[in-house]
Amino acid sequence: MAQVWLADDATGVGTLHALLVWWKDIIVEGLKYGYFVNQEKSCLILKNPEHLHSAQEIFSDCNIDIRIDGQRHLGAVLGTPEFKDTYINKLVVEWSDMLKKLVQFAK
């Protein structure tokens, strides 16, 4: 099980069972230090969609979003190539629209 933290954002990688242990430890140990996990904002991204049913069973008592496509994370995107393409294309459209507005303001 590997993990990375940036301020109060954590990312873990491992087997489903290892991730469940890690997840529950974060919830219990975090309380001791004033860290409150926002389970509603948390997401489990599966590398293999075939593990969806197992993940749903293993994390059944957790209020966590389980995804097989992907999710934005710390300004980046994690997931399938299709999800990444869709996410990046949406950003490009948004940036293009902002740039067009900026040009109008400049005129």
PDB file of N, CA and C in Angstrom:
ATOM      1  N   MET A   1       0.865  -1.174   0.000  1.00  0.00           N
ATOM      2  CA  MET A   1       0.000   0.000   0.000  1.00  0.00           C
ATOM      3  C   MET A   1       0.903   1.225   0.000  1.00  0.00           C
ATOM      4  N   ALA A   2       0.757   2.061  -0.982  1.00  0.00           N
ATOM      5  CA  ALA A   2       1.505   3.313  -1.070  1.00  0.00           C
ATOM      6  C   ALA A   2       0.537   4.471  -0.879  1.00  0.00           C
ATOM      7  N   GLN A   3       1.049   5.585  -0.334  1.00  0.00           N
ATOM      8  CA  GLN A   3       0.195   6.741  -0.129  1.00  0.00           C
ATOM      9  C   GLN A   3       0.976   8.024  -0.344  1.00  0.00           C
ATOM     10  N   VAL A   4       0.242   9.062  -0.747  1.00  0.00           N
ATOM     11  CA  VAL A   4       0.817  10.383  -0.957  1.00  0.00           C
ATOM     12  C   VAL A   4      -0.162  11.383  -0.347  1.00  0.00           C
ATOM     13  N   TRP A   5       0.372  12.390   0.311  1.00  0.00           N
ATOM     14  CA  TRP A   5      -0.458  13.432   0.917  1.00  0.00           C
ATOM     15  C   TRP A   5      -0.024  14.802   0.409  1.00  0.00           C
ATOM     16  N   LEU A   6      -0.991  15.681   0.203  1.00  0.00           N
ATOM     17  CA  LEU A   6      -0.737  17.095  -0.044  1.00  0.00           C
ATOM     18  C   LEU A   6      -1.741  17.839   0.822  1.00  0.00           C
ATOM     19  N   ALA A   7      -1.240  18.432   1.891  1.00  0.00           N
ATOM     20  CA  ALA A   7      -2.101  19.077   2.891  1.00  0.00           C
ATOM     21  C   ALA A   7      -3.110  18.049   3.396  1.00  0.00           C
ATOM     22  N   ASP A   8      -4.404  18.297   3.158  1.00  0.00           N
ATOM     23  CA  ASP A   8      -5.404  17.348   3.664  1.00  0.00           C
ATOM     24  C   ASP A   8      -5.954  16.438   2.563  1.00  0.00           C
ATOM     25  N   ASP A   9      -5.279  16.398   1.427  1.00  0.00           N
ATOM     26  CA  ASP A   9      -5.685  15.490   0.352  1.00  0.00           C
ATOM     27  C   ASP A   9      -4.759  14.287   0.335  1.00  0.00           C
ATOM     28  N   ALA A  10      -5.333  13.117   0.423  1.00  0.00           N
ATOM     29  CA  ALA A  10      -4.548  11.889   0.437  1.00  0.00           C
ATOM     30  C   ALA A  10      -4.891  11.030  -0.769  1.00  0.00           C
ATOM     31  N   THR A  11      -3.898  10.310  -1.230  1.00  0.00           N
ATOM     32  CA  THR A  11      -4.071   9.364  -2.318  1.00  0.00           C
ATOM     33  C   THR A  11      -3.406   8.067  -1.912  1.00  0.00           C
ATOM     34  N   GLY A  12      -4.114   6.974  -2.052  1.00  0.00           N
ATOM     35  CA  GLY A  12      -3.555   5.672  -1.721  1.00  0.00           C
ATOM     36  C   GLY A  12      -3.693   4.726  -2.892  1.00  0.00           C
ATOM     37  N   VAL A  13      -2.743   3.812  -2.990  1.00  0.00           N
ATOM     38  CA  VAL A  13      -2.750   2.812  -4.051  1.00  0.00           C
ATOM     39  C   VAL A  13      -2.471   1.455  -3.433  1.00  0.00           C
ATOM     40  N   GLY A  14      -3.254   0.459  -3.805  1.00  0.00           N
ATOM     41  CA  GLY A  14      -3.026  -0.881  -3.282  1.00  0.00           C
ATOM     42  C   GLY A  14      -4.189  -1.796  -3.601  1.00  0.00           C
ATOM     43  N   THR A  15      -4.176  -2.955  -2.991  1.00  0.00           N
ATOM     44  CA  THR A  15      -5.284  -3.888  -3.164  1.00  0.00           C
ATOM     45  C   THR A  15      -6.520  -3.326  -2.469  1.00  0.00           C
ATOM     46  N   LEU A  16      -7.677  -3.833  -2.834  1.00  0.00           N
ATOM     47  CA  LEU A  16      -8.913  -3.348  -2.220  1.00  0.00           C
ATOM     48  C   LEU A  16      -8.903  -3.548  -0.714  1.00  0.00           C
ATOM     49  N   HIS A  17      -8.439  -4.698  -0.255  1.00  0.00           N
ATOM     50  CA  HIS A  17      -8.425  -4.958   1.191  1.00  0.00           C
ATOM     51  C   HIS A  17      -7.434  -4.041   1.913  1.00  0.00           C
ATOM     52  N   ALA A  18      -6.263  -3.813   1.315  1.00  0.00           N
ATOM     53  CA  ALA A  18      -5.281  -2.899   1.919  1.00  0.00           C
ATOM     54  C   ALA A  18      -5.820  -1.482   1.952  1.00  0.00           C
ATOM     55  N   LEU A  19      -6.512  -1.079   0.907  1.00  0.00           N
ATOM     56  CA  LEU A  19      -7.095   0.268   0.875  1.00  0.00           C
ATOM     57  C   LEU A  19      -8.179   0.433   1.931  1.00  0.00           C
ATOM     58  N   LEU A  20      -8.961  -0.605   2.164  1.00  0.00           N
ATOM     59  CA  LEU A  20     -10.000  -0.529   3.198  1.00  0.00           C
ATOM     60  C   LEU A  20      -9.374  -0.348   4.575  1.00  0.00           C
ATOM     61  N   VAL A  21      -8.334  -1.097   4.873  1.00  0.00           N
ATOM     62  CA  VAL A  21      -7.639  -0.952   6.160  1.00  0.00           C
ATOM     63  C   VAL A  21      -7.095   0.463   6.286  1.00  0.00           C
ATOM     64  N   TRP A  22      -6.431   0.949   5.230  1.00  0.00           N
ATOM     65  CA  TRP A  22      -5.864   2.304   5.213  1.00  0.00           C
ATOM     66  C   TRP A  22      -6.962   3.340   5.422  1.00  0.00           C
ATOM     67  N   TRP A  23      -8.084   3.182   4.708  1.00  0.00           N
ATOM     68  CA  TRP A  23      -9.209   4.107   4.795  1.00  0.00           C
ATOM     69  C   TRP A  23      -9.761   4.191   6.221  1.00  0.00           C
ATOM     70  N   LYS A  24      -9.973   3.045   6.831  1.00  0.00           N
ATOM     71  CA  LYS A  24     -10.515   3.031   8.191  1.00  0.00           C
ATOM     72  C   LYS A  24      -9.510   3.592   9.191  1.00  0.00           C
ATOM     73  N   ASP A  25      -8.220   3.334   8.971  1.00  0.00           N
ATOM     74  CA  ASP A  25      -7.181   3.903   9.839  1.00  0.00           C
ATOM     75  C   ASP A  25      -7.164   5.426   9.747  1.00  0.00           C
ATOM     76  N   ILE A  26      -7.302   5.955   8.544  1.00  0.00           N
ATOM     77  CA  ILE A  26      -7.318   7.415   8.370  1.00  0.00           C
ATOM     78  C   ILE A  26      -8.474   8.026   9.152  1.00  0.00           C
ATOM     79  N   ILE A  27      -9.630   7.384   9.077  1.00  0.00           N
ATOM     80  CA  ILE A  27     -10.810   7.904   9.781  1.00  0.00           C
ATOM     81  C   ILE A  27     -10.582   7.890  11.283  1.00  0.00           C
ATOM     82  N   VAL A  28     -10.119   6.774  11.829  1.00  0.00           N
ATOM     83  CA  VAL A  28      -9.939   6.627  13.282  1.00  0.00           C
ATOM     84  C   VAL A  28      -8.768   7.480  13.775  1.00  0.00           C
ATOM     85  N   GLU A  29      -7.612   7.350  13.137  1.00  0.00           N
ATOM     86  CA  GLU A  29      -6.420   8.074  13.590  1.00  0.00           C
ATOM     87  C   GLU A  29      -6.544   9.569  13.334  1.00  0.00           C
ATOM     88  N   GLY A  30      -7.212   9.945  12.254  1.00  0.00           N
ATOM     89  CA  GLY A  30      -7.377  11.360  11.947  1.00  0.00           C
ATOM     90  C   GLY A  30      -8.106  12.124  13.029  1.00  0.00           C
ATOM     91  N   LEU A  31      -9.094  11.490  13.624  1.00  0.00           N
ATOM     92  CA  LEU A  31      -9.863  12.145  14.688  1.00  0.00           C
ATOM     93  C   LEU A  31      -8.968  12.574  15.846  1.00  0.00           C
ATOM     94  N   LYS A  32      -7.933  11.793  16.132  1.00  0.00           N
ATOM     95  CA  LYS A  32      -7.014  12.122  17.233  1.00  0.00           C
ATOM     96  C   LYS A  32      -6.274  13.429  16.986  1.00  0.00           C
ATOM     97  N   TYR A  33      -6.161  13.819  15.713  1.00  0.00           N
ATOM     98  CA  TYR A  33      -5.385  15.004  15.348  1.00  0.00           C
ATOM     99  C   TYR A  33      -6.256  16.108  14.745  1.00  0.00           C
ATOM    100  N   GLY A  34      -7.551  15.946  14.870  1.00  0.00           N
ATOM    101  CA  GLY A  34      -8.458  16.959  14.354  1.00  0.00           C
ATOM    102  C   GLY A  34      -8.678  16.879  12.852  1.00  0.00           C
ATOM    103  N   TYR A  35      -8.358  15.747  12.250  1.00  0.00           N
ATOM    104  CA  TYR A  35      -8.569  15.544  10.826  1.00  0.00           C
ATOM    105  C   TYR A  35      -9.865  14.772  10.637  1.00  0.00           C
ATOM    106  N   PHE A  36     -10.804  15.400   9.982  1.00  0.00           N
ATOM    107  CA  PHE A  36     -12.110  14.784   9.780  1.00  0.00           C
ATOM    108  C   PHE A  36     -12.279  14.433   8.307  1.00  0.00           C
ATOM    109  N   VAL A  37     -12.366  13.167   8.012  1.00  0.00           N
ATOM    110  CA  VAL A  37     -12.492  12.694   6.636  1.00  0.00           C
ATOM    111  C   VAL A  37     -13.876  13.060   6.097  1.00  0.00           C
ATOM    112  N   ASN A  38     -13.897  13.683   4.941  1.00  0.00           N
ATOM    113  CA  ASN A  38     -15.149  13.987   4.272  1.00  0.00           C
ATOM    114  C   ASN A  38     -15.431  12.849   3.295  1.00  0.00           C
ATOM    115  N   GLN A  39     -16.134  11.850   3.781  1.00  0.00           N
ATOM    116  CA  GLN A  39     -16.362  10.654   2.978  1.00  0.00           C
ATOM    117  C   GLN A  39     -17.158  10.951   1.710  1.00  0.00           C
ATOM    118  N   GLU A  40     -18.061  11.924   1.772  1.00  0.00           N
ATOM    119  CA  GLU A  40     -18.875  12.249   0.608  1.00  0.00           C
ATOM    120  C   GLU A  40     -18.032  12.785  -0.547  1.00  0.00           C
ATOM    121  N   LYS A  41     -16.897  13.403  -0.246  1.00  0.00           N
ATOM    122  CA  LYS A  41     -16.022  13.933  -1.288  1.00  0.00           C
ATOM    123  C   LYS A  41     -14.950  12.924  -1.702  1.00  0.00           C
ATOM    124  N   SER A  42     -14.918  11.784  -1.067  1.00  0.00           N
ATOM    125  CA  SER A  42     -13.873  10.796  -1.322  1.00  0.00           C
ATOM    126  C   SER A  42     -14.289   9.855  -2.453  1.00  0.00           C
ATOM    127  N   CYS A  43     -13.274   9.338  -3.141  1.00  0.00           N
ATOM    128  CA  CYS A  43     -13.532   8.541  -4.334  1.00  0.00           C
ATOM    129  C   CYS A  43     -12.526   7.402  -4.432  1.00  0.00           C
ATOM    130  N   LEU A  44     -13.018   6.232  -4.773  1.00  0.00           N
ATOM    131  CA  LEU A  44     -12.184   5.076  -5.054  1.00  0.00           C
ATOM    132  C   LEU A  44     -12.244   4.838  -6.554  1.00  0.00           C
ATOM    133  N   ILE A  45     -11.107   4.973  -7.221  1.00  0.00           N
ATOM    134  CA  ILE A  45     -11.046   4.764  -8.673  1.00  0.00           C
ATOM    135  C   ILE A  45     -10.457   3.389  -8.922  1.00  0.00           C
ATOM    136  N   LEU A  46     -11.201   2.572  -9.627  1.00  0.00           N
ATOM    137  CA  LEU A  46     -10.749   1.218  -9.916  1.00  0.00           C
ATOM    138  C   LEU A  46      -9.985   1.181 -11.233  1.00  0.00           C
ATOM    139  N   LYS A  47      -8.841   0.553 -11.198  1.00  0.00           N
ATOM    140  CA  LYS A  47      -8.045   0.386 -12.412  1.00  0.00           C
ATOM    141  C   LYS A  47      -8.708  -0.624 -13.344  1.00  0.00           C
ATOM    142  N   ASN A  48      -9.316  -1.647 -12.760  1.00  0.00           N
ATOM    143  CA  ASN A  48      -9.942  -2.707 -13.529  1.00  0.00           C
ATOM    144  C   ASN A  48     -11.447  -2.708 -13.235  1.00  0.00           C
ATOM    145  N   PRO A  49     -12.275  -2.378 -14.221  1.00  0.00           N
ATOM    146  CA  PRO A  49     -13.729  -2.350 -13.994  1.00  0.00           C
ATOM    147  C   PRO A  49     -14.297  -3.687 -13.520  1.00  0.00           C
ATOM    148  N   GLU A  50     -13.589  -4.777 -13.783  1.00  0.00           N
ATOM    149  CA  GLU A  50     -14.071  -6.086 -13.346  1.00  0.00           C
ATOM    150  C   GLU A  50     -14.089  -6.225 -11.824  1.00  0.00           C
ATOM    151  N   HIS A  51     -13.426  -5.323 -11.124  1.00  0.00           N
ATOM    152  CA  HIS A  51     -13.376  -5.372  -9.663  1.00  0.00           C
ATOM    153  C   HIS A  51     -14.484  -4.540  -9.001  1.00  0.00           C
ATOM    154  N   LEU A  52     -15.377  -3.987  -9.811  1.00  0.00           N
ATOM    155  CA  LEU A  52     -16.424  -3.112  -9.272  1.00  0.00           C
ATOM    156  C   LEU A  52     -17.279  -3.822  -8.227  1.00  0.00           C
ATOM    157  N   HIS A  53     -17.765  -4.994  -8.537  1.00  0.00           N
ATOM    158  CA  HIS A  53     -18.633  -5.712  -7.589  1.00  0.00           C
ATOM    159  C   HIS A  53     -17.892  -5.999  -6.281  1.00  0.00           C
ATOM    160  N   SER A  54     -16.642  -6.448  -6.377  1.00  0.00           N
ATOM    161  CA  SER A  54     -15.839  -6.721  -5.170  1.00  0.00           C
ATOM    162  C   SER A  54     -15.646  -5.443  -4.364  1.00  0.00           C
ATOM    163  N   ALA A  55     -15.349  -4.357  -5.039  1.00  0.00           N
ATOM    164  CA  ALA A  55     -15.136  -3.080  -4.345  1.00  0.00           C
ATOM    165  C   ALA A  55     -16.407  -2.631  -3.635  1.00  0.00           C
ATOM    166  N   GLN A  56     -17.534  -2.791  -4.301  1.00  0.00           N
ATOM    167  CA  GLN A  56     -18.809  -2.408  -3.683  1.00  0.00           C
ATOM    168  C   GLN A  56     -19.089  -3.235  -2.436  1.00  0.00           C
ATOM    169  N   GLU A  57     -18.743  -4.500  -2.469  1.00  0.00           N
ATOM    170  CA  GLU A  57     -18.929  -5.356  -1.290  1.00  0.00           C
ATOM    171  C   GLU A  57     -17.955  -4.981  -0.182  1.00  0.00           C
ATOM    172  N   ILE A  58     -16.686  -4.820  -0.530  1.00  0.00           N
ATOM    173  CA  ILE A  58     -15.651  -4.539   0.468  1.00  0.00           C
ATOM    174  C   ILE A  58     -15.881  -3.191   1.136  1.00  0.00           C
ATOM    175  N   PHE A  59     -16.316  -2.192   0.369  1.00  0.00           N
ATOM    176  CA  PHE A  59     -16.516  -0.841   0.894  1.00  0.00           C
ATOM    177  C   PHE A  59     -17.990  -0.552   1.177  1.00  0.00           C
ATOM    178  N   SER A  60     -18.790  -1.597   1.374  1.00  0.00           N
ATOM    179  CA  SER A  60     -20.234  -1.418   1.540  1.00  0.00           C
ATOM    180  C   SER A  60     -20.608  -0.581   2.761  1.00  0.00           C
ATOM    181  N   ASP A  61     -19.798  -0.598   3.796  1.00  0.00           N
ATOM    182  CA  ASP A  61     -20.130   0.181   4.988  1.00  0.00           C
ATOM    183  C   ASP A  61     -19.473   1.565   4.984  1.00  0.00           C
ATOM    184  N   CYS A  62     -18.885   1.944   3.865  1.00  0.00           N
ATOM    185  CA  CYS A  62     -18.234   3.254   3.725  1.00  0.00           C
ATOM    186  C   CYS A  62     -19.068   4.127   2.798  1.00  0.00           C
ATOM    187  N   ASN A  63     -19.102   5.396   3.102  1.00  0.00           N
ATOM    188  CA  ASN A  63     -19.812   6.338   2.244  1.00  0.00           C
ATOM    189  C   ASN A  63     -18.801   6.934   1.267  1.00  0.00           C
ATOM    190  N   ILE A  64     -18.402   6.132   0.281  1.00  0.00           N
ATOM    191  CA  ILE A  64     -17.366   6.539  -0.654  1.00  0.00           C
ATOM    192  C   ILE A  64     -17.842   6.250  -2.074  1.00  0.00           C
ATOM    193  N   ASP A  65     -17.542   7.161  -2.971  1.00  0.00           N
ATOM    194  CA  ASP A  65     -17.906   7.025  -4.378  1.00  0.00           C
ATOM    195  C   ASP A  65     -16.919   6.072  -5.052  1.00  0.00           C
ATOM    196  N   ILE A  66     -17.417   5.028  -5.683  1.00  0.00           N
ATOM    197  CA  ILE A  66     -16.562   4.068  -6.376  1.00  0.00           C
ATOM    198  C   ILE A  66     -16.750   4.287  -7.870  1.00  0.00           C
ATOM    199  N   ARG A  67     -15.635   4.569  -8.563  1.00  0.00           N
ATOM    200  CA  ARG A  67     -15.703   4.915  -9.978  1.00  0.00           C
ATOM    201  C   ARG A  67     -14.826   4.001 -10.813  1.00  0.00           C
ATOM    202  N   ILE A  68     -15.271   3.738 -12.026  1.00  0.00           N
ATOM    203  CA  ILE A  68     -14.465   2.946 -12.953  1.00  0.00           C
ATOM    204  C   ILE A  68     -13.959   3.802 -14.114  1.00  0.00           C
ATOM    205  N   ASP A  69     -14.449   5.041 -14.236  1.00  0.00           N
ATOM    206  CA  ASP A  69     -14.018   5.893 -15.341  1.00  0.00           C
ATOM    207  C   ASP A  69     -12.860   6.799 -14.949  1.00  0.00           C
ATOM    208  N   GLY A  70     -13.022   7.576 -13.902  1.00  0.00           N
ATOM    209  CA  GLY A  70     -11.960   8.465 -13.462  1.00  0.00           C
ATOM    210  C   GLY A  70     -12.478   9.587 -12.594  1.00  0.00           C
ATOM    211  N   GLN A  71     -11.556  10.477 -12.219  1.00  0.00           N
ATOM    212  CA  GLN A  71     -11.894  11.582 -11.320  1.00  0.00           C
ATOM    213  C   GLN A  71     -10.786  12.624 -11.372  1.00  0.00           C
ATOM    214  N   ARG A  72     -11.171  13.874 -11.201  1.00  0.00           N
ATOM    215  CA  ARG A  72     -10.178  14.946 -11.073  1.00  0.00           C
ATOM    216  C   ARG A  72      -9.537  14.832  -9.705  1.00  0.00           C
ATOM    217  N   HIS A  73      -8.232  15.092  -9.644  1.00  0.00           N
ATOM    218  CA  HIS A  73      -7.538  15.020  -8.365  1.00  0.00           C
ATOM    219  C   HIS A  73      -6.407  16.040  -8.342  1.00  0.00           C
ATOM    220  N   LEU A  74      -6.512  17.019  -7.450  1.00  0.00           N
ATOM    221  CA  LEU A  74      -5.489  18.045  -7.275  1.00  0.00           C
ATOM    222  C   LEU A  74      -5.124  18.728  -8.595  1.00  0.00           C
ATOM    223  N   GLY A  75      -6.131  19.062  -9.375  1.00  0.00           N
ATOM    224  CA  GLY A  75      -5.903  19.770 -10.629  1.00  0.00           C
ATOM    225  C   GLY A  75      -5.501  18.874 -11.779  1.00  0.00           C
ATOM    226  N   ALA A  76      -5.331  17.608 -11.527  1.00  0.00           N
ATOM    227  CA  ALA A  76      -4.994  16.652 -12.586  1.00  0.00           C
ATOM    228  C   ALA A  76      -6.194  15.734 -12.786  1.00  0.00           C
ATOM    229  N   VAL A  77      -6.010  14.712 -13.580  1.00  0.00           N
ATOM    230  CA  VAL A  77      -7.098  13.769 -13.813  1.00  0.00           C
ATOM    231  C   VAL A  77      -6.531  12.361 -13.791  1.00  0.00           C
ATOM    232  N   LEU A  78      -7.259  11.478 -13.109  1.00  0.00           N
ATOM    233  CA  LEU A  78      -6.884  10.065 -13.016  1.00  0.00           C
ATOM    234  C   LEU A  78      -7.998   9.242 -13.634  1.00  0.00           C
ATOM    235  N   GLY A  79      -7.646   8.236 -14.407  1.00  0.00           N
ATOM    236  CA  GLY A  79      -8.672   7.370 -14.940  1.00  0.00           C
ATOM    237  C   GLY A  79      -8.372   6.842 -16.317  1.00  0.00           C
ATOM    238  N   THR A  80      -9.440   6.449 -16.990  1.00  0.00           N
ATOM    239  CA  THR A  80      -9.308   5.856 -18.313  1.00  0.00           C
ATOM    240  C   THR A  80      -8.864   6.916 -19.326  1.00  0.00           C
ATOM    241  N   PRO A  81      -8.268   6.486 -20.428  1.00  0.00           N
ATOM    242  CA  PRO A  81      -7.900   7.449 -21.476  1.00  0.00           C
ATOM    243  C   PRO A  81      -9.107   8.257 -21.965  1.00  0.00           C
ATOM    244  N   GLU A  82     -10.266   7.616 -22.075  1.00  0.00           N
ATOM    245  CA  GLU A  82     -11.468   8.314 -22.521  1.00  0.00           C
ATOM    246  C   GLU A  82     -11.883   9.394 -21.526  1.00  0.00           C
ATOM    247  N   PHE A  83     -11.818   9.068 -20.234  1.00  0.00           N
ATOM    248  CA  PHE A  83     -12.176  10.047 -19.211  1.00  0.00           C
ATOM    249  C   PHE A  83     -11.209  11.222 -19.240  1.00  0.00           C
ATOM    250  N   LYS A  84      -9.918  10.927 -19.372  1.00  0.00           N
ATOM    251  CA  LYS A  84      -8.904  11.980 -19.437  1.00  0.00           C
ATOM    252  C   LYS A  84      -9.132  12.883 -20.643  1.00  0.00           C
ATOM    253  N   ASP A  85      -9.396  12.289 -21.801  1.00  0.00           N
ATOM    254  CA  ASP A  85      -9.647  13.090 -23.005  1.00  0.00           C
ATOM    255  C   ASP A  85     -10.847  13.999 -22.835  1.00  0.00           C
ATOM    256  N   THR A  86     -11.931  13.462 -22.307  1.00  0.00           N
ATOM    257  CA  THR A  86     -13.140  14.256 -22.082  1.00  0.00           C
ATOM    258  C   THR A  86     -12.862  15.403 -21.120  1.00  0.00           C
ATOM    259  N   TYR A  87     -12.170  15.106 -20.040  1.00  0.00           N
ATOM    260  CA  TYR A  87     -11.850  16.125 -19.033  1.00  0.00           C
ATOM    261  C   TYR A  87     -10.985  17.223 -19.633  1.00  0.00           C
ATOM    262  N   ILE A  88      -9.945  16.840 -20.360  1.00  0.00           N
ATOM    263  CA  ILE A  88      -9.023  17.823 -20.939  1.00  0.00           C
ATOM    264  C   ILE A  88      -9.721  18.650 -22.011  1.00  0.00           C
ATOM    265  N   ASN A  89     -10.528  18.004 -22.843  1.00  0.00           N
ATOM    266  CA  ASN A  89     -11.259  18.745 -23.871  1.00  0.00           C
ATOM    267  C   ASN A  89     -12.198  19.773 -23.253  1.00  0.00           C
ATOM    268  N   LYS A  90     -12.833  19.414 -22.145  1.00  0.00           N
ATOM    269  CA  LYS A  90     -13.719  20.355 -21.456  1.00  0.00           C
ATOM    270  C   LYS A  90     -12.921  21.555 -20.933  1.00  0.00           C
ATOM    271  N   LEU A  91     -11.741  21.285 -20.384  1.00  0.00           N
ATOM    272  CA  LEU A  91     -10.896  22.383 -19.908  1.00  0.00           C
ATOM    273  C   LEU A  91     -10.480  23.300 -21.044  1.00  0.00           C
ATOM    274  N   VAL A  92     -10.106  22.719 -22.168  1.00  0.00           N
ATOM    275  CA  VAL A  92      -9.678  23.521 -23.318  1.00  0.00           C
ATOM    276  C   VAL A  92     -10.817  24.433 -23.788  1.00  0.00           C
ATOM    277  N   VAL A  93     -12.030  23.899 -23.831  1.00  0.00           N
ATOM    278  CA  VAL A  93     -13.185  24.715 -24.225  1.00  0.00           C
ATOM    279  C   VAL A  93     -13.388  25.852 -23.228  1.00  0.00           C
ATOM    280  N   GLU A  94     -13.300  25.548 -21.935  1.00  0.00           N
ATOM    281  CA  GLU A  94     -13.468  26.587 -20.906  1.00  0.00           C
ATOM    282  C   GLU A  94     -12.389  27.655 -21.027  1.00  0.00           C
ATOM    283  N   TRP A  95     -11.134  27.237 -21.200  1.00  0.00           N
ATOM    284  CA  TRP A  95     -10.040  28.194 -21.334  1.00  0.00           C
ATOM    285  C   TRP A  95     -10.198  29.043 -22.598  1.00  0.00           C
ATOM    286  N   SER A  96     -10.636  28.412 -23.672  1.00  0.00           N
ATOM    287  CA  SER A  96     -10.852  29.130 -24.931  1.00  0.00           C
ATOM    288  C   SER A  96     -11.934  30.188 -24.752  1.00  0.00           C
ATOM    289  N   ASP A  97     -13.030  29.824 -24.090  1.00  0.00           N
ATOM    290  CA  ASP A  97     -14.107  30.784 -23.823  1.00  0.00           C
ATOM    291  C   ASP A  97     -13.608  31.940 -22.975  1.00  0.00           C
ATOM    292  N   MET A  98     -12.793  31.647 -21.964  1.00  0.00           N
ATOM    293  CA  MET A  98     -12.235  32.704 -21.111  1.00  0.00           C
ATOM    294  C   MET A  98     -11.330  33.629 -21.919  1.00  0.00           C
ATOM    295  N   LEU A  99     -10.533  33.049 -22.786  1.00  0.00           N
ATOM    296  CA  LEU A  99      -9.613  33.840 -23.601  1.00  0.00           C
ATOM    297  C   LEU A  99     -10.389  34.735 -24.567  1.00  0.00           C
ATOM    298  N   LYS A 100     -11.463  34.217 -25.136  1.00  0.00           N
ATOM    299  CA  LYS A 100     -12.305  35.029 -26.024  1.00  0.00           C
ATOM    300  C   LYS A 100     -12.896  36.211 -25.270  1.00  0.00           C
ATOM    301  N   LYS A 101     -13.352  35.996 -24.038  1.00  0.00           N
ATOM    302  CA  LYS A 101     -13.884  37.090 -23.222  1.00  0.00           C
ATOM    303  C   LYS A 101     -12.801  38.108 -22.914  1.00  0.00           C
ATOM    304  N   LEU A 102     -11.605  37.637 -22.612  1.00  0.00           N
ATOM    305  CA  LEU A 102     -10.493  38.527 -22.315  1.00  0.00           C
ATOM    306  C   LEU A 102     -10.166  39.391 -23.529  1.00  0.00           C
ATOM    307  N   VAL A 103     -10.202  38.791 -24.710  1.00  0.00           N
ATOM    308  CA  VAL A 103      -9.949  39.548 -25.941  1.00  0.00           C
ATOM    309  C   VAL A 103     -11.012  40.615 -26.121  1.00  0.00           C
ATOM    310  N   GLN A 104     -12.269  40.276 -25.842  1.00  0.00           N
ATOM    311  CA  GLN A 104     -13.336  41.267 -25.953  1.00  0.00           C
ATOM    312  C   GLN A 104     -13.119  42.421 -24.974  1.00  0.00           C
ATOM    313  N   PHE A 105     -12.715  42.103 -23.755  1.00  0.00           N
ATOM    314  CA  PHE A 105     -12.435  43.151 -22.770  1.00  0.00           C
ATOM    315  C   PHE A 105     -11.289  44.044 -23.239  1.00  0.00           C
ATOM    316  N   ALA A 106     -10.284  43.418 -23.827  1.00  0.00           N
ATOM    317  CA  ALA A 106      -9.110  44.173 -24.288  1.00  0.00           C
ATOM    318  C   ALA A 106      -9.479  45.124 -25.417  1.00  0.00           C
ATOM    319  N   LYS A 107     -10.406  44.686 -26.283  1.00  0.00           N
ATOM    320  CA  LYS A 107     -10.831  45.567 -27.393  1.00  0.00           C
ATOM    321  C   LYS A 107     -11.538  46.777 -26.830  1.00  0.00           C
TER     322      LYS A 107
END
